[in-house]
Amino acid sequence: MMGAEVATLLAHLRDDTPDDTTRPTR
């Protein structure tokens, strides 16, 4: 009702979480 579905919020949470595995390592 407030325009923030659970699935949408979880998707934003996942997208905003930094993934250390994607960072290039030297």
mmCIF file of all heavy atoms, coordinates in Angstrom:
data_MODEL
# 
_entry.id   MODEL 
# 
loop_
_atom_site.group_PDB 
_atom_site.id 
_atom_site.type_symbol 
_atom_site.label_atom_id 
_atom_site.label_alt_id 
_atom_site.label_comp_id 
_atom_site.label_asym_id 
_atom_site.label_entity_id 
_atom_site.label_seq_id 
_atom_site.pdbx_PDB_ins_code 
_atom_site.Cartn_x 
_atom_site.Cartn_y 
_atom_site.Cartn_z 
_atom_site.occupancy 
_atom_site.B_iso_or_equiv 
_atom_site.pdbx_formal_charge 
_atom_site.auth_seq_id 
_atom_site.auth_comp_id 
_atom_site.auth_asym_id 
_atom_site.auth_atom_id 
_atom_site.pdbx_PDB_model_num 
ATOM 1   N N   . MET A 1 1  ? 0.826  -1.209  0.000  1.00 0.00 ? 1  MET A N   1 
ATOM 2   C CA  . MET A 1 1  ? 0.000  0.000   0.000  1.00 0.00 ? 1  MET A CA  1 
ATOM 3   C C   . MET A 1 1  ? 0.859  1.256   0.000  1.00 0.00 ? 1  MET A C   1 
ATOM 4   O O   . MET A 1 1  ? 0.511  2.255   -0.647 1.00 0.00 ? 1  MET A O   1 
ATOM 5   C CB  . MET A 1 1  ? -0.912 -0.001  1.235  1.00 0.00 ? 1  MET A CB  1 
ATOM 6   C CG  . MET A 1 1  ? -2.049 -1.013  1.187  1.00 0.00 ? 1  MET A CG  1 
ATOM 7   S SD  . MET A 1 1  ? -3.066 -0.961  2.685  1.00 0.00 ? 1  MET A SD  1 
ATOM 8   C CE  . MET A 1 1  ? -3.757 0.701   2.593  1.00 0.00 ? 1  MET A CE  1 
ATOM 9   N N   . MET A 1 2  ? 2.001  1.216   0.697  1.00 0.00 ? 2  MET A N   1 
ATOM 10  C CA  . MET A 1 2  ? 2.871  2.388   0.787  1.00 0.00 ? 2  MET A CA  1 
ATOM 11  C C   . MET A 1 2  ? 3.872  2.449   -0.356 1.00 0.00 ? 2  MET A C   1 
ATOM 12  O O   . MET A 1 2  ? 4.775  3.279   -0.350 1.00 0.00 ? 2  MET A O   1 
ATOM 13  C CB  . MET A 1 2  ? 3.611  2.385   2.119  1.00 0.00 ? 2  MET A CB  1 
ATOM 14  C CG  . MET A 1 2  ? 2.695  2.440   3.341  1.00 0.00 ? 2  MET A CG  1 
ATOM 15  S SD  . MET A 1 2  ? 1.526  3.821   3.287  1.00 0.00 ? 2  MET A SD  1 
ATOM 16  C CE  . MET A 1 2  ? 2.637  5.211   3.313  1.00 0.00 ? 2  MET A CE  1 
ATOM 17  N N   . GLY A 1 3  ? 3.734  1.545   -1.334 1.00 0.00 ? 3  GLY A N   1 
ATOM 18  C CA  . GLY A 1 3  ? 4.578  1.604   -2.526 1.00 0.00 ? 3  GLY A CA  1 
ATOM 19  C C   . GLY A 1 3  ? 5.913  0.934   -2.384 1.00 0.00 ? 3  GLY A C   1 
ATOM 20  O O   . GLY A 1 3  ? 6.801  1.140   -3.218 1.00 0.00 ? 3  GLY A O   1 
ATOM 21  N N   . ALA A 1 4  ? 6.086  0.148   -1.324 1.00 0.00 ? 4  ALA A N   1 
ATOM 22  C CA  . ALA A 1 4  ? 7.377  -0.507  -1.090 1.00 0.00 ? 4  ALA A CA  1 
ATOM 23  C C   . ALA A 1 4  ? 7.141  -1.989  -0.835 1.00 0.00 ? 4  ALA A C   1 
ATOM 24  O O   . ALA A 1 4  ? 7.049  -2.423  0.310  1.00 0.00 ? 4  ALA A O   1 
ATOM 25  C CB  . ALA A 1 4  ? 8.100  0.133   0.089  1.00 0.00 ? 4  ALA A CB  1 
ATOM 26  N N   . GLU A 1 5  ? 7.036  -2.758  -1.904 1.00 0.00 ? 5  GLU A N   1 
ATOM 27  C CA  . GLU A 1 5  ? 6.807  -4.185  -1.755 1.00 0.00 ? 5  GLU A CA  1 
ATOM 28  C C   . GLU A 1 5  ? 8.041  -4.861  -1.155 1.00 0.00 ? 5  GLU A C   1 
ATOM 29  O O   . GLU A 1 5  ? 9.171  -4.409  -1.325 1.00 0.00 ? 5  GLU A O   1 
ATOM 30  C CB  . GLU A 1 5  ? 6.468  -4.809  -3.107 1.00 0.00 ? 5  GLU A CB  1 
ATOM 31  C CG  . GLU A 1 5  ? 5.143  -4.318  -3.693 1.00 0.00 ? 5  GLU A CG  1 
ATOM 32  C CD  . GLU A 1 5  ? 4.819  -4.996  -5.006 1.00 0.00 ? 5  GLU A CD  1 
ATOM 33  O OE1 . GLU A 1 5  ? 5.463  -4.650  -6.009 1.00 0.00 ? 5  GLU A OE1 1 
ATOM 34  O OE2 . GLU A 1 5  ? 3.946  -5.872  -5.020 1.00 0.00 ? 5  GLU A OE2 1 
ATOM 35  N N   . VAL A 1 6  ? 7.800  -5.965  -0.475 1.00 0.00 ? 6  VAL A N   1 
ATOM 36  C CA  . VAL A 1 6  ? 8.895  -6.680  0.174  1.00 0.00 ? 6  VAL A CA  1 
ATOM 37  C C   . VAL A 1 6  ? 9.950  -7.100  -0.848 1.00 0.00 ? 6  VAL A C   1 
ATOM 38  O O   . VAL A 1 6  ? 11.155 -6.942  -0.619 1.00 0.00 ? 6  VAL A O   1 
ATOM 39  C CB  . VAL A 1 6  ? 8.362  -7.910  0.930  1.00 0.00 ? 6  VAL A CB  1 
ATOM 40  C CG1 . VAL A 1 6  ? 9.521  -8.708  1.519  1.00 0.00 ? 6  VAL A CG1 1 
ATOM 41  C CG2 . VAL A 1 6  ? 7.407  -7.499  2.035  1.00 0.00 ? 6  VAL A CG2 1 
ATOM 42  N N   . ALA A 1 7  ? 9.507  -7.624  -1.985 1.00 0.00 ? 7  ALA A N   1 
ATOM 43  C CA  . ALA A 1 7  ? 10.461 -8.071  -3.004 1.00 0.00 ? 7  ALA A CA  1 
ATOM 44  C C   . ALA A 1 7  ? 11.318 -6.915  -3.509 1.00 0.00 ? 7  ALA A C   1 
ATOM 45  O O   . ALA A 1 7  ? 12.529 -7.067  -3.733 1.00 0.00 ? 7  ALA A O   1 
ATOM 46  C CB  . ALA A 1 7  ? 9.712  -8.727  -4.165 1.00 0.00 ? 7  ALA A CB  1 
ATOM 47  N N   . THR A 1 8  ? 10.695 -5.740  -3.676 1.00 0.00 ? 8  THR A N   1 
ATOM 48  C CA  . THR A 1 8  ? 11.444 -4.573  -4.147 1.00 0.00 ? 8  THR A CA  1 
ATOM 49  C C   . THR A 1 8  ? 12.472 -4.130  -3.111 1.00 0.00 ? 8  THR A C   1 
ATOM 50  O O   . THR A 1 8  ? 13.622 -3.808  -3.439 1.00 0.00 ? 8  THR A O   1 
ATOM 51  C CB  . THR A 1 8  ? 10.481 -3.416  -4.457 1.00 0.00 ? 8  THR A CB  1 
ATOM 52  O OG1 . THR A 1 8  ? 9.522  -3.843  -5.432 1.00 0.00 ? 8  THR A OG1 1 
ATOM 53  C CG2 . THR A 1 8  ? 11.230 -2.215  -4.993 1.00 0.00 ? 8  THR A CG2 1 
ATOM 54  N N   . LEU A 1 9  ? 12.074 -4.114  -1.845 1.00 0.00 ? 9  LEU A N   1 
ATOM 55  C CA  . LEU A 1 9  ? 12.995 -3.717  -0.789 1.00 0.00 ? 9  LEU A CA  1 
ATOM 56  C C   . LEU A 1 9  ? 14.166 -4.692  -0.680 1.00 0.00 ? 9  LEU A C   1 
ATOM 57  O O   . LEU A 1 9  ? 15.322 -4.276  -0.515 1.00 0.00 ? 9  LEU A O   1 
ATOM 58  C CB  . LEU A 1 9  ? 12.252 -3.634  0.543  1.00 0.00 ? 9  LEU A CB  1 
ATOM 59  C CG  . LEU A 1 9  ? 11.195 -2.524  0.655  1.00 0.00 ? 9  LEU A CG  1 
ATOM 60  C CD1 . LEU A 1 9  ? 10.425 -2.659  1.956  1.00 0.00 ? 9  LEU A CD1 1 
ATOM 61  C CD2 . LEU A 1 9  ? 11.842 -1.152  0.563  1.00 0.00 ? 9  LEU A CD2 1 
ATOM 62  N N   . LEU A 1 10 ? 13.873 -5.973  -0.778 1.00 0.00 ? 10 LEU A N   1 
ATOM 63  C CA  . LEU A 1 10 ? 14.945 -6.970  -0.710 1.00 0.00 ? 10 LEU A CA  1 
ATOM 64  C C   . LEU A 1 10 ? 15.897 -6.833  -1.895 1.00 0.00 ? 10 LEU A C   1 
ATOM 65  O O   . LEU A 1 10 ? 17.113 -7.019  -1.752 1.00 0.00 ? 10 LEU A O   1 
ATOM 66  C CB  . LEU A 1 10 ? 14.347 -8.377  -0.665 1.00 0.00 ? 10 LEU A CB  1 
ATOM 67  C CG  . LEU A 1 10 ? 13.632 -8.759  0.641  1.00 0.00 ? 10 LEU A CG  1 
ATOM 68  C CD1 . LEU A 1 10 ? 12.961 -10.118 0.502  1.00 0.00 ? 10 LEU A CD1 1 
ATOM 69  C CD2 . LEU A 1 10 ? 14.618 -8.766  1.804  1.00 0.00 ? 10 LEU A CD2 1 
ATOM 70  N N   . ALA A 1 11 ? 15.339 -6.503  -3.074 1.00 0.00 ? 11 ALA A N   1 
ATOM 71  C CA  . ALA A 1 11 ? 16.196 -6.318  -4.243 1.00 0.00 ? 11 ALA A CA  1 
ATOM 72  C C   . ALA A 1 11 ? 17.124 -5.118  -4.049 1.00 0.00 ? 11 ALA A C   1 
ATOM 73  O O   . ALA A 1 11 ? 18.317 -5.178  -4.375 1.00 0.00 ? 11 ALA A O   1 
ATOM 74  C CB  . ALA A 1 11 ? 15.336 -6.133  -5.491 1.00 0.00 ? 11 ALA A CB  1 
ATOM 75  N N   . HIS A 1 12 ? 16.592 -4.029  -3.502 1.00 0.00 ? 12 HIS A N   1 
ATOM 76  C CA  . HIS A 1 12 ? 17.434 -2.855  -3.233 1.00 0.00 ? 12 HIS A CA  1 
ATOM 77  C C   . HIS A 1 12 ? 18.483 -3.175  -2.176 1.00 0.00 ? 12 HIS A C   1 
ATOM 78  O O   . HIS A 1 12 ? 19.632 -2.723  -2.279 1.00 0.00 ? 12 HIS A O   1 
ATOM 79  C CB  . HIS A 1 12 ? 16.568 -1.680  -2.773 1.00 0.00 ? 12 HIS A CB  1 
ATOM 80  C CG  . HIS A 1 12 ? 15.942 -0.904  -3.895 1.00 0.00 ? 12 HIS A CG  1 
ATOM 81  N ND1 . HIS A 1 12 ? 16.525 0.215   -4.432 1.00 0.00 ? 12 HIS A ND1 1 
ATOM 82  C CD2 . HIS A 1 12 ? 14.803 -1.117  -4.597 1.00 0.00 ? 12 HIS A CD2 1 
ATOM 83  C CE1 . HIS A 1 12 ? 15.761 0.692   -5.413 1.00 0.00 ? 12 HIS A CE1 1 
ATOM 84  N NE2 . HIS A 1 12 ? 14.712 -0.103  -5.525 1.00 0.00 ? 12 HIS A NE2 1 
ATOM 85  N N   . LEU A 1 13 ? 18.090 -3.946  -1.188 1.00 0.00 ? 13 LEU A N   1 
ATOM 86  C CA  . LEU A 1 13 ? 19.048 -4.325  -0.151 1.00 0.00 ? 13 LEU A CA  1 
ATOM 87  C C   . LEU A 1 13 ? 20.183 -5.155  -0.735 1.00 0.00 ? 13 LEU A C   1 
ATOM 88  O O   . LEU A 1 13 ? 21.357 -4.951  -0.409 1.00 0.00 ? 13 LEU A O   1 
ATOM 89  C CB  . LEU A 1 13 ? 18.331 -5.108  0.945  1.00 0.00 ? 13 LEU A CB  1 
ATOM 90  C CG  . LEU A 1 13 ? 19.198 -5.608  2.102  1.00 0.00 ? 13 LEU A CG  1 
ATOM 91  C CD1 . LEU A 1 13 ? 19.814 -4.447  2.861  1.00 0.00 ? 13 LEU A CD1 1 
ATOM 92  C CD2 . LEU A 1 13 ? 18.379 -6.478  3.038  1.00 0.00 ? 13 LEU A CD2 1 
ATOM 93  N N   . ARG A 1 14 ? 19.835 -6.071  -1.624 1.00 0.00 ? 14 ARG A N   1 
ATOM 94  C CA  . ARG A 1 14 ? 20.857 -6.921  -2.246 1.00 0.00 ? 14 ARG A CA  1 
ATOM 95  C C   . ARG A 1 14 ? 21.748 -6.105  -3.181 1.00 0.00 ? 14 ARG A C   1 
ATOM 96  O O   . ARG A 1 14 ? 22.967 -6.285  -3.201 1.00 0.00 ? 14 ARG A O   1 
ATOM 97  C CB  . ARG A 1 14 ? 20.181 -8.052  -3.019 1.00 0.00 ? 14 ARG A CB  1 
ATOM 98  C CG  . ARG A 1 14 ? 21.157 -9.017  -3.674 1.00 0.00 ? 14 ARG A CG  1 
ATOM 99  C CD  . ARG A 1 14 ? 20.423 -10.166 -4.334 1.00 0.00 ? 14 ARG A CD  1 
ATOM 100 N NE  . ARG A 1 14 ? 19.506 -9.708  -5.358 1.00 0.00 ? 14 ARG A NE  1 
ATOM 101 C CZ  . ARG A 1 14 ? 18.175 -9.709  -5.242 1.00 0.00 ? 14 ARG A CZ  1 
ATOM 102 N NH1 . ARG A 1 14 ? 17.622 -10.157 -4.133 1.00 0.00 ? 14 ARG A NH1 1 
ATOM 103 N NH2 . ARG A 1 14 ? 17.408 -9.264  -6.208 1.00 0.00 ? 14 ARG A NH2 1 
ATOM 104 N N   . ASP A 1 15 ? 21.162 -5.189  -3.948 1.00 0.00 ? 15 ASP A N   1 
ATOM 105 C CA  . ASP A 1 15 ? 21.948 -4.396  -4.894 1.00 0.00 ? 15 ASP A CA  1 
ATOM 106 C C   . ASP A 1 15 ? 22.876 -3.420  -4.182 1.00 0.00 ? 15 ASP A C   1 
ATOM 107 O O   . ASP A 1 15 ? 23.950 -3.092  -4.693 1.00 0.00 ? 15 ASP A O   1 
ATOM 108 C CB  . ASP A 1 15 ? 21.019 -3.617  -5.834 1.00 0.00 ? 15 ASP A CB  1 
ATOM 109 C CG  . ASP A 1 15 ? 20.224 -4.540  -6.750 1.00 0.00 ? 15 ASP A CG  1 
ATOM 110 O OD1 . ASP A 1 15 ? 20.633 -5.703  -6.912 1.00 0.00 ? 15 ASP A OD1 1 
ATOM 111 O OD2 . ASP A 1 15 ? 19.190 -4.103  -7.280 1.00 0.00 ? 15 ASP A OD2 1 
ATOM 112 N N   . ASP A 1 16 ? 22.460 -2.947  -2.998 1.00 0.00 ? 16 ASP A N   1 
ATOM 113 C CA  . ASP A 1 16 ? 23.264 -1.972  -2.270 1.00 0.00 ? 16 ASP A CA  1 
ATOM 114 C C   . ASP A 1 16 ? 24.315 -2.613  -1.389 1.00 0.00 ? 16 ASP A C   1 
ATOM 115 O O   . ASP A 1 16 ? 25.133 -1.920  -0.787 1.00 0.00 ? 16 ASP A O   1 
ATOM 116 C CB  . ASP A 1 16 ? 22.366 -1.088  -1.393 1.00 0.00 ? 16 ASP A CB  1 
ATOM 117 C CG  . ASP A 1 16 ? 21.445 -0.212  -2.234 1.00 0.00 ? 16 ASP A CG  1 
ATOM 118 O OD1 . ASP A 1 16 ? 21.728 -0.066  -3.441 1.00 0.00 ? 16 ASP A OD1 1 
ATOM 119 O OD2 . ASP A 1 16 ? 20.448 0.304   -1.691 1.00 0.00 ? 16 ASP A OD2 1 
ATOM 120 N N   . THR A 1 17 ? 24.299 -3.937  -1.297 1.00 0.00 ? 17 THR A N   1 
ATOM 121 C CA  . THR A 1 17 ? 25.274 -4.633  -0.456 1.00 0.00 ? 17 THR A CA  1 
ATOM 122 C C   . THR A 1 17 ? 26.553 -4.851  -1.248 1.00 0.00 ? 17 THR A C   1 
ATOM 123 O O   . THR A 1 17 ? 26.525 -5.477  -2.308 1.00 0.00 ? 17 THR A O   1 
ATOM 124 C CB  . THR A 1 17 ? 24.727 -5.992  0.015  1.00 0.00 ? 17 THR A CB  1 
ATOM 125 O OG1 . THR A 1 17 ? 23.511 -5.768  0.745  1.00 0.00 ? 17 THR A OG1 1 
ATOM 126 C CG2 . THR A 1 17 ? 25.748 -6.690  0.905  1.00 0.00 ? 17 THR A CG2 1 
ATOM 127 N N   . PRO A 1 18 ? 27.705 -4.314  -0.789 1.00 0.00 ? 18 PRO A N   1 
ATOM 128 C CA  . PRO A 1 18 ? 28.965 -4.518  -1.521 1.00 0.00 ? 18 PRO A CA  1 
ATOM 129 C C   . PRO A 1 18 ? 29.345 -5.982  -1.537 1.00 0.00 ? 18 PRO A C   1 
ATOM 130 O O   . PRO A 1 18 ? 29.251 -6.676  -0.526 1.00 0.00 ? 18 PRO A O   1 
ATOM 131 C CB  . PRO A 1 18 ? 29.981 -3.682  -0.732 1.00 0.00 ? 18 PRO A CB  1 
ATOM 132 C CG  . PRO A 1 18 ? 29.377 -3.537  0.637  1.00 0.00 ? 18 PRO A CG  1 
ATOM 133 C CD  . PRO A 1 18 ? 27.883 -3.528  0.436  1.00 0.00 ? 18 PRO A CD  1 
ATOM 134 N N   . ASP A 1 19 ? 29.745 -6.450  -2.705 1.00 0.00 ? 19 ASP A N   1 
ATOM 135 C CA  . ASP A 1 19 ? 30.158 -7.842  -2.879 1.00 0.00 ? 19 ASP A CA  1 
ATOM 136 C C   . ASP A 1 19 ? 31.667 -7.891  -2.997 1.00 0.00 ? 19 ASP A C   1 
ATOM 137 O O   . ASP A 1 19 ? 32.243 -7.458  -3.990 1.00 0.00 ? 19 ASP A O   1 
ATOM 138 C CB  . ASP A 1 19 ? 29.507 -8.428  -4.136 1.00 0.00 ? 19 ASP A CB  1 
ATOM 139 C CG  . ASP A 1 19 ? 29.788 -9.921  -4.274 1.00 0.00 ? 19 ASP A CG  1 
ATOM 140 O OD1 . ASP A 1 19 ? 30.461 -10.479 -3.381 1.00 0.00 ? 19 ASP A OD1 1 
ATOM 141 O OD2 . ASP A 1 19 ? 29.347 -10.517 -5.272 1.00 0.00 ? 19 ASP A OD2 1 
ATOM 142 N N   . ASP A 1 20 ? 32.318 -8.374  -1.952 1.00 0.00 ? 20 ASP A N   1 
ATOM 143 C CA  . ASP A 1 20 ? 33.781 -8.410  -1.968 1.00 0.00 ? 20 ASP A CA  1 
ATOM 144 C C   . ASP A 1 20 ? 34.337 -9.320  -3.054 1.00 0.00 ? 20 ASP A C   1 
ATOM 145 O O   . ASP A 1 20 ? 35.467 -9.164  -3.502 1.00 0.00 ? 20 ASP A O   1 
ATOM 146 C CB  . ASP A 1 20 ? 34.300 -8.878  -0.604 1.00 0.00 ? 20 ASP A CB  1 
ATOM 147 C CG  . ASP A 1 20 ? 33.989 -7.860  0.489  1.00 0.00 ? 20 ASP A CG  1 
ATOM 148 O OD1 . ASP A 1 20 ? 33.818 -6.688  0.135  1.00 0.00 ? 20 ASP A OD1 1 
ATOM 149 O OD2 . ASP A 1 20 ? 33.927 -8.264  1.668  1.00 0.00 ? 20 ASP A OD2 1 
ATOM 150 N N   . THR A 1 21 ? 33.515 -10.294 -3.507 1.00 0.00 ? 21 THR A N   1 
ATOM 151 C CA  . THR A 1 21 ? 34.018 -11.233 -4.510 1.00 0.00 ? 21 THR A CA  1 
ATOM 152 C C   . THR A 1 21 ? 34.146 -10.588 -5.881 1.00 0.00 ? 21 THR A C   1 
ATOM 153 O O   . THR A 1 21 ? 34.846 -11.102 -6.742 1.00 0.00 ? 21 THR A O   1 
ATOM 154 C CB  . THR A 1 21 ? 33.082 -12.439 -4.600 1.00 0.00 ? 21 THR A CB  1 
ATOM 155 O OG1 . THR A 1 21 ? 31.767 -11.988 -4.982 1.00 0.00 ? 21 THR A OG1 1 
ATOM 156 C CG2 . THR A 1 21 ? 33.003 -13.155 -3.254 1.00 0.00 ? 21 THR A CG2 1 
ATOM 157 N N   . THR A 1 22 ? 33.474 -9.439  -6.094 1.00 0.00 ? 22 THR A N   1 
ATOM 158 C CA  . THR A 1 22 ? 33.538 -8.786  -7.393 1.00 0.00 ? 22 THR A CA  1 
ATOM 159 C C   . THR A 1 22 ? 34.657 -7.759  -7.469 1.00 0.00 ? 22 THR A C   1 
ATOM 160 O O   . THR A 1 22 ? 34.908 -7.202  -8.523 1.00 0.00 ? 22 THR A O   1 
ATOM 161 C CB  . THR A 1 22 ? 32.201 -8.101  -7.709 1.00 0.00 ? 22 THR A CB  1 
ATOM 162 O OG1 . THR A 1 22 ? 31.938 -7.105  -6.698 1.00 0.00 ? 22 THR A OG1 1 
ATOM 163 C CG2 . THR A 1 22 ? 31.067 -9.131  -7.714 1.00 0.00 ? 22 THR A CG2 1 
ATOM 164 N N   . ARG A 1 23 ? 35.291 -7.469  -6.357 1.00 0.00 ? 23 ARG A N   1 
ATOM 165 C CA  . ARG A 1 23 ? 36.357 -6.480  -6.370 1.00 0.00 ? 23 ARG A CA  1 
ATOM 166 C C   . ARG A 1 23 ? 37.648 -7.091  -6.911 1.00 0.00 ? 23 ARG A C   1 
ATOM 167 O O   . ARG A 1 23 ? 38.015 -8.201  -6.538 1.00 0.00 ? 23 ARG A O   1 
ATOM 168 C CB  . ARG A 1 23 ? 36.605 -5.954  -4.954 1.00 0.00 ? 23 ARG A CB  1 
ATOM 169 C CG  . ARG A 1 23 ? 35.408 -5.194  -4.384 1.00 0.00 ? 23 ARG A CG  1 
ATOM 170 C CD  . ARG A 1 23 ? 35.730 -4.708  -2.986 1.00 0.00 ? 23 ARG A CD  1 
ATOM 171 N NE  . ARG A 1 23 ? 34.614 -3.967  -2.419 1.00 0.00 ? 23 ARG A NE  1 
ATOM 172 C CZ  . ARG A 1 23 ? 34.616 -3.444  -1.196 1.00 0.00 ? 23 ARG A CZ  1 
ATOM 173 N NH1 . ARG A 1 23 ? 35.690 -3.597  -0.418 1.00 0.00 ? 23 ARG A NH1 1 
ATOM 174 N NH2 . ARG A 1 23 ? 33.569 -2.795  -0.748 1.00 0.00 ? 23 ARG A NH2 1 
ATOM 175 N N   . PRO A 1 24 ? 38.339 -6.385  -7.817 1.00 0.00 ? 24 PRO A N   1 
ATOM 176 C CA  . PRO A 1 24 ? 39.610 -6.927  -8.312 1.00 0.00 ? 24 PRO A CA  1 
ATOM 177 C C   . PRO A 1 24 ? 40.636 -6.966  -7.200 1.00 0.00 ? 24 PRO A C   1 
ATOM 178 O O   . PRO A 1 24 ? 40.755 -6.035  -6.404 1.00 0.00 ? 24 PRO A O   1 
ATOM 179 C CB  . PRO A 1 24 ? 40.016 -5.921  -9.402 1.00 0.00 ? 24 PRO A CB  1 
ATOM 180 C CG  . PRO A 1 24 ? 39.305 -4.655  -9.048 1.00 0.00 ? 24 PRO A CG  1 
ATOM 181 C CD  . PRO A 1 24 ? 38.008 -5.082  -8.414 1.00 0.00 ? 24 PRO A CD  1 
ATOM 182 N N   . THR A 1 25 ? 41.360 -8.037  -7.146 1.00 0.00 ? 25 THR A N   1 
ATOM 183 C CA  . THR A 1 25 ? 42.389 -8.192  -6.117 1.00 0.00 ? 25 THR A CA  1 
ATOM 184 C C   . THR A 1 25 ? 43.756 -8.275  -6.784 1.00 0.00 ? 25 THR A C   1 
ATOM 185 O O   . THR A 1 25 ? 43.919 -8.878  -7.841 1.00 0.00 ? 25 THR A O   1 
ATOM 186 C CB  . THR A 1 25 ? 42.148 -9.471  -5.294 1.00 0.00 ? 25 THR A CB  1 
ATOM 187 O OG1 . THR A 1 25 ? 42.114 -10.601 -6.175 1.00 0.00 ? 25 THR A OG1 1 
ATOM 188 C CG2 . THR A 1 25 ? 40.828 -9.373  -4.542 1.00 0.00 ? 25 THR A CG2 1 
ATOM 189 N N   . ARG A 1 26 ? 44.715 -7.635  -6.181 1.00 0.00 ? 26 ARG A N   1 
ATOM 190 C CA  . ARG A 1 26 ? 46.077 -7.619  -6.700 1.00 0.00 ? 26 ARG A CA  1 
ATOM 191 C C   . ARG A 1 26 ? 46.855 -8.780  -6.069 1.00 0.00 ? 26 ARG A C   1 
ATOM 192 O O   . ARG A 1 26 ? 46.910 -8.918  -4.850 1.00 0.00 ? 26 ARG A O   1 
ATOM 193 C CB  . ARG A 1 26 ? 46.755 -6.297  -6.358 1.00 0.00 ? 26 ARG A CB  1 
ATOM 194 C CG  . ARG A 1 26 ? 48.187 -6.200  -6.867 1.00 0.00 ? 26 ARG A CG  1 
ATOM 195 C CD  . ARG A 1 26 ? 48.775 -4.867  -6.536 1.00 0.00 ? 26 ARG A CD  1 
ATOM 196 N NE  . ARG A 1 26 ? 48.042 -3.797  -7.208 1.00 0.00 ? 26 ARG A NE  1 
ATOM 197 C CZ  . ARG A 1 26 ? 48.332 -2.510  -7.040 1.00 0.00 ? 26 ARG A CZ  1 
ATOM 198 N NH1 . ARG A 1 26 ? 49.311 -2.137  -6.239 1.00 0.00 ? 26 ARG A NH1 1 
ATOM 199 N NH2 . ARG A 1 26 ? 47.622 -1.591  -7.674 1.00 0.00 ? 26 ARG A NH2 1 
# 
